[in-house]
Amino acid sequence: MTEHHRVPVARPEVVRAWVDGWVRSRGADGAVAVPGGFRIAVGRTDQVARYVLPAADPAVLRRLSVALITPGLWLKVCAPRSAVEPALPASWDFQAPEYLMTAPLGRALRTGARDGVPDGLRDGLVPGAAPAPPPDPAVLPGGYVVETVAQGGLVDARAFAATGEVAAGGRVALAGTVAVFDRVRTDPAHRRQGLGRVVMTALAARAAQQGATQGVLVARDDGLSLYRAMGWELHSPVTTAVLRRRGSR
């Protein structure tokens, strides 16, 4: 994306839903509102806490760059790197670009069904109708089996190979009527089998059954083409910066 293209501006309610879903999915402490965004205590050595900002406000970024001194703090800013980098000192390392994406769950389900998802995962595709749960487990071509489990506002889906190993999986966390998709991945040994699409469709069907109407996720470059093919649209670029330890360079 060049400077001459108009950059999408994230809506605060979408960012809030993403934050709430991420917290639930990862079992983190609740998000705390801070000037310009949200703070989430993560508690890991490599990620002590993350600050999520719906916009790249230079004044907010400069204040944070002065106040934040603990290595392992993360900034997630809904803006391109070109809007974030000038406000941060050189002690912040930038990660690969990410993309905040949204889709009505009905569209994602219909697109998944149209593009080769097995019959057992095509329930509830009539607009306005409450989806029936897909059969669990559902047997897929190639001997794969997909299972979903819904509990406590979370939906987990896993695709098993014939050997019993987990070939793909993902999770949805419900934040009101928004389903936040997280940790969707396919084992490298099982890629190009359509499992990512199957997992996404299974998660969307279960989430819609529980009342979700809108999907939100953050994609990396390697998942962007799949999500776009399934009807997801770019809501905003996301730039991640991590405060590195002194002397680490």
C-alpha atoms as a PDB file:
ATOM      1  CA  MET A   1       0.000   0.000   0.000  1.00  0.00           C
ATOM      2  CA  THR A   2       1.567   3.290  -1.087  1.00  0.00           C
ATOM      3  CA  GLU A   3       1.262   6.708   0.445  1.00  0.00           C
ATOM      4  CA  HIS A   4      -1.038   7.712  -2.439  1.00  0.00           C
ATOM      5  CA  HIS A   5      -3.690   5.157  -1.516  1.00  0.00           C
ATOM      6  CA  ARG A   6      -6.274   6.057   1.072  1.00  0.00           C
ATOM      7  CA  VAL A   7      -5.608   4.062   4.227  1.00  0.00           C
ATOM      8  CA  PRO A   8      -8.719   2.578   5.903  1.00  0.00           C
ATOM      9  CA  VAL A   9      -9.456   4.030   9.346  1.00  0.00           C
ATOM     10  CA  ALA A  10     -10.395   1.488  12.002  1.00  0.00           C
ATOM     11  CA  ARG A  11     -13.721   1.909  13.748  1.00  0.00           C
ATOM     12  CA  PRO A  12     -13.283   1.929  17.556  1.00  0.00           C
ATOM     13  CA  GLU A  13     -16.101  -0.594  18.102  1.00  0.00           C
ATOM     14  CA  VAL A  14     -14.414  -3.095  15.767  1.00  0.00           C
ATOM     15  CA  VAL A  15     -11.090  -2.694  17.564  1.00  0.00           C
ATOM     16  CA  ARG A  16     -12.824  -3.085  20.935  1.00  0.00           C
ATOM     17  CA  ALA A  17     -14.474  -6.320  19.791  1.00  0.00           C
ATOM     18  CA  TRP A  18     -11.110  -7.627  18.552  1.00  0.00           C
ATOM     19  CA  VAL A  19      -9.498  -6.742  21.899  1.00  0.00           C
ATOM     20  CA  ASP A  20     -12.263  -8.379  23.936  1.00  0.00           C
ATOM     21  CA  GLY A  21     -12.193 -11.510  21.788  1.00  0.00           C
ATOM     22  CA  TRP A  22      -8.405 -11.783  21.963  1.00  0.00           C
ATOM     23  CA  VAL A  23      -8.485 -11.480  25.751  1.00  0.00           C
ATOM     24  CA  ARG A  24     -11.062 -14.252  26.008  1.00  0.00           C
ATOM     25  CA  SER A  25      -9.286 -16.475  23.499  1.00  0.00           C
ATOM     26  CA  ARG A  26      -5.900 -16.173  25.206  1.00  0.00           C
ATOM     27  CA  GLY A  27      -7.169 -16.253  28.785  1.00  0.00           C
ATOM     28  CA  ALA A  28      -5.549 -12.885  29.511  1.00  0.00           C
ATOM     29  CA  ASP A  29      -6.694 -10.364  32.080  1.00  0.00           C
ATOM     30  CA  GLY A  30      -9.342  -7.965  30.837  1.00  0.00           C
ATOM     31  CA  ALA A  31      -8.369  -4.995  28.717  1.00  0.00           C
ATOM     32  CA  VAL A  32      -7.981  -1.666  30.513  1.00  0.00           C
ATOM     33  CA  ALA A  33      -8.821   1.561  28.749  1.00  0.00           C
ATOM     34  CA  VAL A  34      -5.837   3.919  28.489  1.00  0.00           C
ATOM     35  CA  PRO A  35      -5.491   7.238  26.644  1.00  0.00           C
ATOM     36  CA  GLY A  36      -5.737   6.414  22.955  1.00  0.00           C
ATOM     37  CA  GLY A  37      -6.593   2.737  23.278  1.00  0.00           C
ATOM     38  CA  PHE A  38      -6.372  -0.350  25.487  1.00  0.00           C
ATOM     39  CA  ARG A  39      -3.781  -2.147  27.616  1.00  0.00           C
ATOM     40  CA  ILE A  40      -3.806  -5.927  28.034  1.00  0.00           C
ATOM     41  CA  ALA A  41      -1.570  -7.616  30.624  1.00  0.00           C
ATOM     42  CA  VAL A  42      -0.158 -10.730  28.947  1.00  0.00           C
ATOM     43  CA  GLY A  43       2.481 -11.759  31.482  1.00  0.00           C
ATOM     44  CA  ARG A  44       4.916 -13.554  29.187  1.00  0.00           C
ATOM     45  CA  THR A  45       8.648 -12.879  29.052  1.00  0.00           C
ATOM     46  CA  ASP A  46       8.465 -12.061  25.347  1.00  0.00           C
ATOM     47  CA  GLN A  47       5.221 -10.090  25.727  1.00  0.00           C
ATOM     48  CA  VAL A  48       4.722  -8.468  29.090  1.00  0.00           C
ATOM     49  CA  ALA A  49       1.727  -6.450  27.928  1.00  0.00           C
ATOM     50  CA  ARG A  50       0.260  -5.132  24.712  1.00  0.00           C
ATOM     51  CA  TYR A  51      -1.191  -1.756  23.927  1.00  0.00           C
ATOM     52  CA  VAL A  52      -3.801  -1.714  21.168  1.00  0.00           C
ATOM     53  CA  LEU A  53      -4.496   1.635  19.519  1.00  0.00           C
ATOM     54  CA  PRO A  54      -7.322   2.191  17.013  1.00  0.00           C
ATOM     55  CA  ALA A  55      -5.347   4.999  15.336  1.00  0.00           C
ATOM     56  CA  ALA A  56      -1.802   6.323  15.003  1.00  0.00           C
ATOM     57  CA  ASP A  57      -2.188   9.525  16.980  1.00  0.00           C
ATOM     58  CA  PRO A  58       1.351  11.024  17.040  1.00  0.00           C
ATOM     59  CA  ALA A  59       0.825  12.636  20.447  1.00  0.00           C
ATOM     60  CA  VAL A  60      -0.361   9.348  21.982  1.00  0.00           C
ATOM     61  CA  LEU A  61       2.530   7.425  20.427  1.00  0.00           C
ATOM     62  CA  ARG A  62       5.095   9.936  21.656  1.00  0.00           C
ATOM     63  CA  ARG A  63       3.696   9.824  25.202  1.00  0.00           C
ATOM     64  CA  LEU A  64       3.770   6.032  25.196  1.00  0.00           C
ATOM     65  CA  SER A  65       7.316   5.933  23.825  1.00  0.00           C
ATOM     66  CA  VAL A  66       8.432   8.016  26.819  1.00  0.00           C
ATOM     67  CA  ALA A  67       6.358   6.221  29.455  1.00  0.00           C
ATOM     68  CA  LEU A  68       6.998   2.629  28.350  1.00  0.00           C
ATOM     69  CA  ILE A  69      10.426   1.396  29.416  1.00  0.00           C
ATOM     70  CA  THR A  70       9.960  -2.342  30.103  1.00  0.00           C
ATOM     71  CA  PRO A  71      11.377  -4.605  27.381  1.00  0.00           C
ATOM     72  CA  GLY A  72       8.809  -6.959  25.904  1.00  0.00           C
ATOM     73  CA  LEU A  73       6.021  -4.397  25.689  1.00  0.00           C
ATOM     74  CA  TRP A  74       4.061  -4.507  22.440  1.00  0.00           C
ATOM     75  CA  LEU A  75       2.237  -1.840  20.492  1.00  0.00           C
ATOM     76  CA  LYS A  76      -0.503  -2.870  18.059  1.00  0.00           C
ATOM     77  CA  VAL A  77      -1.580   0.162  16.059  1.00  0.00           C
ATOM     78  CA  CYS A  78      -4.361   0.136  13.472  1.00  0.00           C
ATOM     79  CA  ALA A  79      -2.384   2.090  10.913  1.00  0.00           C
ATOM     80  CA  PRO A  80       0.419   1.475   8.399  1.00  0.00           C
ATOM     81  CA  ARG A  81       4.019   1.453   9.579  1.00  0.00           C
ATOM     82  CA  SER A  82       4.656   4.755   7.795  1.00  0.00           C
ATOM     83  CA  ALA A  83       2.229   6.438  10.201  1.00  0.00           C
ATOM     84  CA  VAL A  84       3.688   4.819  13.327  1.00  0.00           C
ATOM     85  CA  GLU A  85       7.462   4.691  12.864  1.00  0.00           C
ATOM     86  CA  PRO A  86       8.148   8.469  12.886  1.00  0.00           C
ATOM     87  CA  ALA A  87       6.685   8.786  16.395  1.00  0.00           C
ATOM     88  CA  LEU A  88       8.760   5.990  17.995  1.00  0.00           C
ATOM     89  CA  PRO A  89      12.467   5.937  18.908  1.00  0.00           C
ATOM     90  CA  ALA A  90      14.887   3.383  17.471  1.00  0.00           C
ATOM     91  CA  SER A  91      14.470   1.093  20.507  1.00  0.00           C
ATOM     92  CA  TRP A  92      11.238  -0.264  18.995  1.00  0.00           C
ATOM     93  CA  ASP A  93      11.455  -3.189  16.559  1.00  0.00           C
ATOM     94  CA  PHE A  94       8.784  -3.499  13.898  1.00  0.00           C
ATOM     95  CA  GLN A  95       7.217  -6.844  13.056  1.00  0.00           C
ATOM     96  CA  ALA A  96       5.717  -8.111   9.805  1.00  0.00           C
ATOM     97  CA  PRO A  97       2.571  -6.244   8.720  1.00  0.00           C
ATOM     98  CA  GLU A  98      -0.848  -7.535   9.743  1.00  0.00           C
ATOM     99  CA  TYR A  99      -4.388  -6.800   8.626  1.00  0.00           C
ATOM    100  CA  LEU A 100      -7.559  -6.289  10.643  1.00  0.00           C
ATOM    101  CA  MET A 101     -10.356  -7.893   8.603  1.00  0.00           C
ATOM    102  CA  THR A 102     -14.125  -8.206   8.934  1.00  0.00           C
ATOM    103  CA  ALA A 103     -16.909 -10.198   7.297  1.00  0.00           C
ATOM    104  CA  PRO A 104     -20.594 -10.880   7.888  1.00  0.00           C
ATOM    105  CA  LEU A 105     -20.687 -14.519   8.998  1.00  0.00           C
ATOM    106  CA  GLY A 106     -23.453 -15.324   6.508  1.00  0.00           C
ATOM    107  CA  ARG A 107     -21.197 -14.286   3.631  1.00  0.00           C
ATOM    108  CA  ALA A 108     -18.232 -16.260   4.951  1.00  0.00           C
ATOM    109  CA  LEU A 109     -20.399 -19.352   5.336  1.00  0.00           C
ATOM    110  CA  ARG A 110     -21.915 -19.096   1.886  1.00  0.00           C
ATOM    111  CA  THR A 111     -18.518 -18.545   0.262  1.00  0.00           C
ATOM    112  CA  GLY A 112     -16.996 -21.468   2.156  1.00  0.00           C
ATOM    113  CA  ALA A 113     -19.797 -23.776   1.051  1.00  0.00           C
ATOM    114  CA  ARG A 114     -19.630 -22.629  -2.558  1.00  0.00           C
ATOM    115  CA  ASP A 115     -15.893 -23.223  -2.772  1.00  0.00           C
ATOM    116  CA  GLY A 116     -15.641 -26.854  -1.838  1.00  0.00           C
ATOM    117  CA  VAL A 117     -16.439 -27.264   1.841  1.00  0.00           C
ATOM    118  CA  PRO A 118     -18.027 -30.704   2.432  1.00  0.00           C
ATOM    119  CA  ASP A 119     -21.799 -31.004   2.650  1.00  0.00           C
ATOM    120  CA  GLY A 120     -21.721 -31.627   6.390  1.00  0.00           C
ATOM    121  CA  LEU A 121     -20.430 -28.113   7.067  1.00  0.00           C
ATOM    122  CA  ARG A 122     -22.917 -26.284   4.829  1.00  0.00           C
ATOM    123  CA  ASP A 123     -25.780 -25.980   7.301  1.00  0.00           C
ATOM    124  CA  GLY A 124     -27.472 -22.668   7.975  1.00  0.00           C
ATOM    125  CA  LEU A 125     -26.552 -20.910   4.742  1.00  0.00           C
ATOM    126  CA  VAL A 126     -29.986 -19.379   4.109  1.00  0.00           C
ATOM    127  CA  PRO A 127     -29.790 -15.622   4.838  1.00  0.00           C
ATOM    128  CA  GLY A 128     -31.651 -14.809   8.030  1.00  0.00           C
ATOM    129  CA  ALA A 129     -31.989 -18.437   9.118  1.00  0.00           C
ATOM    130  CA  ALA A 130     -30.426 -19.790  12.295  1.00  0.00           C
ATOM    131  CA  PRO A 131     -27.733 -22.275  11.257  1.00  0.00           C
ATOM    132  CA  ALA A 132     -27.969 -25.852  12.396  1.00  0.00           C
ATOM    133  CA  PRO A 133     -24.788 -27.233  13.968  1.00  0.00           C
ATOM    134  CA  PRO A 134     -22.579 -29.195  11.597  1.00  0.00           C
ATOM    135  CA  PRO A 135     -22.219 -32.912  12.327  1.00  0.00           C
ATOM    136  CA  ASP A 136     -19.445 -33.552  14.791  1.00  0.00           C
ATOM    137  CA  PRO A 137     -17.183 -35.127  13.795  1.00  0.00           C
ATOM    138  CA  ALA A 138     -17.482 -34.423  10.054  1.00  0.00           C
ATOM    139  CA  VAL A 139     -15.491 -36.690   7.728  1.00  0.00           C
ATOM    140  CA  LEU A 140     -13.630 -34.861   4.953  1.00  0.00           C
ATOM    141  CA  PRO A 141     -11.968 -36.016   1.735  1.00  0.00           C
ATOM    142  CA  GLY A 142      -8.549 -37.548   2.285  1.00  0.00           C
ATOM    143  CA  GLY A 143      -9.588 -39.151   5.548  1.00  0.00           C
ATOM    144  CA  TYR A 144      -9.486 -35.932   7.569  1.00  0.00           C
ATOM    145  CA  VAL A 145     -11.995 -35.489  10.383  1.00  0.00           C
ATOM    146  CA  VAL A 146     -13.018 -32.082  11.753  1.00  0.00           C
ATOM    147  CA  GLU A 147     -14.400 -31.693  15.265  1.00  0.00           C
ATOM    148  CA  THR A 148     -15.745 -28.588  16.991  1.00  0.00           C
ATOM    149  CA  VAL A 149     -16.251 -27.899  20.679  1.00  0.00           C
ATOM    150  CA  ALA A 150     -18.179 -24.894  22.026  1.00  0.00           C
ATOM    151  CA  GLN A 151     -17.830 -23.958  25.683  1.00  0.00           C
ATOM    152  CA  GLY A 152     -17.752 -20.782  27.749  1.00  0.00           C
ATOM    153  CA  GLY A 153     -17.932 -18.326  24.882  1.00  0.00           C
ATOM    154  CA  LEU A 154     -15.219 -20.133  22.925  1.00  0.00           C
ATOM    155  CA  VAL A 155     -15.457 -22.394  19.901  1.00  0.00           C
ATOM    156  CA  ASP A 156     -12.532 -24.637  18.968  1.00  0.00           C
ATOM    157  CA  ALA A 157     -12.207 -26.558  15.710  1.00  0.00           C
ATOM    158  CA  ARG A 158      -9.577 -29.157  14.891  1.00  0.00           C
ATOM    159  CA  ALA A 159      -9.007 -31.204  11.761  1.00  0.00           C
ATOM    160  CA  PHE A 160      -7.377 -34.581  12.391  1.00  0.00           C
ATOM    161  CA  ALA A 161      -5.455 -36.580   9.833  1.00  0.00           C
ATOM    162  CA  ALA A 162      -6.098 -40.296   9.410  1.00  0.00           C
ATOM    163  CA  THR A 163      -3.050 -40.893  11.630  1.00  0.00           C
ATOM    164  CA  GLY A 164      -4.734 -39.024  14.488  1.00  0.00           C
ATOM    165  CA  GLU A 165      -2.418 -36.019  14.450  1.00  0.00           C
ATOM    166  CA  VAL A 166      -3.854 -32.503  14.448  1.00  0.00           C
ATOM    167  CA  ALA A 167      -3.549 -31.200  10.888  1.00  0.00           C
ATOM    168  CA  ALA A 168      -5.275 -27.828  11.334  1.00  0.00           C
ATOM    169  CA  GLY A 169      -7.186 -25.889  13.922  1.00  0.00           C
ATOM    170  CA  GLY A 170      -8.525 -22.580  15.084  1.00  0.00           C
ATOM    171  CA  ARG A 171     -10.601 -20.816  17.689  1.00  0.00           C
ATOM    172  CA  VAL A 172     -13.404 -18.272  17.875  1.00  0.00           C
ATOM    173  CA  ALA A 173     -14.066 -16.108  20.906  1.00  0.00           C
ATOM    174  CA  LEU A 174     -17.492 -14.518  21.141  1.00  0.00           C
ATOM    175  CA  ALA A 175     -17.707 -10.835  22.019  1.00  0.00           C
ATOM    176  CA  GLY A 176     -21.418 -10.047  21.923  1.00  0.00           C
ATOM    177  CA  THR A 177     -22.576 -10.599  18.354  1.00  0.00           C
ATOM    178  CA  VAL A 178     -18.983 -10.506  17.070  1.00  0.00           C
ATOM    179  CA  ALA A 179     -16.953 -13.676  16.531  1.00  0.00           C
ATOM    180  CA  VAL A 180     -13.215 -13.061  16.855  1.00  0.00           C
ATOM    181  CA  PHE A 181     -11.205 -15.679  14.963  1.00  0.00           C
ATOM    182  CA  ASP A 182      -7.828 -16.578  16.476  1.00  0.00           C
ATOM    183  CA  ARG A 183      -5.017 -19.108  16.153  1.00  0.00           C
ATOM    184  CA  VAL A 184      -6.134 -20.456  12.786  1.00  0.00           C
ATOM    185  CA  ARG A 185      -3.286 -22.520  11.391  1.00  0.00           C
ATOM    186  CA  THR A 186      -2.527 -25.564   9.262  1.00  0.00           C
ATOM    187  CA  ASP A 187       0.420 -27.849   9.906  1.00  0.00           C
ATOM    188  CA  PRO A 188       2.940 -27.451   7.045  1.00  0.00           C
ATOM    189  CA  ALA A 189       2.700 -31.170   6.260  1.00  0.00           C
ATOM    190  CA  HIS A 190      -1.048 -30.833   5.579  1.00  0.00           C
ATOM    191  CA  ARG A 191      -1.255 -27.620   3.598  1.00  0.00           C
ATOM    192  CA  ARG A 192      -2.965 -27.298   0.208  1.00  0.00           C
ATOM    193  CA  GLN A 193      -5.736 -29.657   1.301  1.00  0.00           C
ATOM    194  CA  GLY A 194      -8.324 -26.925   1.882  1.00  0.00           C
ATOM    195  CA  LEU A 195      -8.202 -27.456   5.641  1.00  0.00           C
ATOM    196  CA  GLY A 196      -7.912 -23.760   6.470  1.00  0.00           C
ATOM    197  CA  ARG A 197     -11.140 -23.070   4.626  1.00  0.00           C
ATOM    198  CA  VAL A 198     -12.849 -26.018   6.320  1.00  0.00           C
ATOM    199  CA  VAL A 199     -11.763 -24.886   9.792  1.00  0.00           C
ATOM    200  CA  MET A 200     -12.896 -21.306   9.136  1.00  0.00           C
ATOM    201  CA  THR A 201     -16.296 -22.477   7.886  1.00  0.00           C
ATOM    202  CA  ALA A 202     -16.805 -24.840  10.831  1.00  0.00           C
ATOM    203  CA  LEU A 203     -15.947 -22.059  13.286  1.00  0.00           C
ATOM    204  CA  ALA A 204     -18.242 -19.584  11.523  1.00  0.00           C
ATOM    205  CA  ALA A 205     -21.148 -22.060  11.562  1.00  0.00           C
ATOM    206  CA  ARG A 206     -20.805 -22.717  15.292  1.00  0.00           C
ATOM    207  CA  ALA A 207     -20.387 -19.021  16.095  1.00  0.00           C
ATOM    208  CA  ALA A 208     -23.471 -18.104  14.046  1.00  0.00           C
ATOM    209  CA  GLN A 209     -25.431 -20.805  15.854  1.00  0.00           C
ATOM    210  CA  GLN A 210     -24.610 -18.990  19.108  1.00  0.00           C
ATOM    211  CA  GLY A 211     -25.834 -15.646  17.849  1.00  0.00           C
ATOM    212  CA  ALA A 212     -22.763 -14.082  16.225  1.00  0.00           C
ATOM    213  CA  THR A 213     -23.416 -12.134  13.035  1.00  0.00           C
ATOM    214  CA  GLN A 214     -20.060 -10.484  12.330  1.00  0.00           C
ATOM    215  CA  GLY A 215     -16.547 -11.893  12.132  1.00  0.00           C
ATOM    216  CA  VAL A 216     -13.296 -10.134  13.020  1.00  0.00           C
ATOM    217  CA  LEU A 217      -9.731 -11.397  12.674  1.00  0.00           C
ATOM    218  CA  VAL A 218      -6.166 -10.216  12.257  1.00  0.00           C
ATOM    219  CA  ALA A 219      -4.383 -11.816   9.315  1.00  0.00           C
ATOM    220  CA  ARG A 220      -0.773 -12.096   8.283  1.00  0.00           C
ATOM    221  CA  ASP A 221       0.482 -12.124   4.721  1.00  0.00           C
ATOM    222  CA  ASP A 222       0.296 -15.922   4.464  1.00  0.00           C
ATOM    223  CA  GLY A 223      -3.425 -15.990   5.281  1.00  0.00           C
ATOM    224  CA  LEU A 224      -4.557 -12.900   3.423  1.00  0.00           C
ATOM    225  CA  SER A 225      -5.453 -14.588   0.126  1.00  0.00           C
ATOM    226  CA  LEU A 226      -7.552 -17.287   1.849  1.00  0.00           C
ATOM    227  CA  TYR A 227      -9.556 -14.800   3.865  1.00  0.00           C
ATOM    228  CA  ARG A 228     -10.161 -12.534   0.892  1.00  0.00           C
ATOM    229  CA  ALA A 229     -11.315 -15.532  -1.165  1.00  0.00           C
ATOM    230  CA  MET A 230     -13.798 -16.332   1.627  1.00  0.00           C
ATOM    231  CA  GLY A 231     -15.344 -12.861   1.498  1.00  0.00           C
ATOM    232  CA  TRP A 232     -13.360 -11.115   4.233  1.00  0.00           C
ATOM    233  CA  GLU A 233     -12.525  -7.452   3.683  1.00  0.00           C
ATOM    234  CA  LEU A 234      -9.663  -5.309   4.906  1.00  0.00           C
ATOM    235  CA  HIS A 235     -10.778  -3.070   7.751  1.00  0.00           C
ATOM    236  CA  SER A 236      -7.408  -1.567   8.646  1.00  0.00           C
ATOM    237  CA  PRO A 237      -3.692  -2.318   8.439  1.00  0.00           C
ATOM    238  CA  VAL A 238      -2.097  -3.244  11.774  1.00  0.00           C
ATOM    239  CA  THR A 239       1.461  -2.328  12.715  1.00  0.00           C
ATOM    240  CA  THR A 240       3.212  -4.135  15.552  1.00  0.00           C
ATOM    241  CA  ALA A 241       6.228  -2.697  17.369  1.00  0.00           C
ATOM    242  CA  VAL A 242       8.076  -4.394  20.247  1.00  0.00           C
ATOM    243  CA  LEU A 243      10.303  -2.643  22.770  1.00  0.00           C
ATOM    244  CA  ARG A 244      13.538  -4.606  22.684  1.00  0.00           C
ATOM    245  CA  ARG A 245      15.951  -5.259  25.497  1.00  0.00           C
ATOM    246  CA  ARG A 246      18.913  -2.991  25.874  1.00  0.00           C
ATOM    247  CA  GLY A 247      22.006  -4.386  24.224  1.00  0.00           C
ATOM    248  CA  SER A 248      20.021  -6.856  22.129  1.00  0.00           C
ATOM    249  CA  ARG A 249      21.569  -5.287  19.017  1.00  0.00           C
END
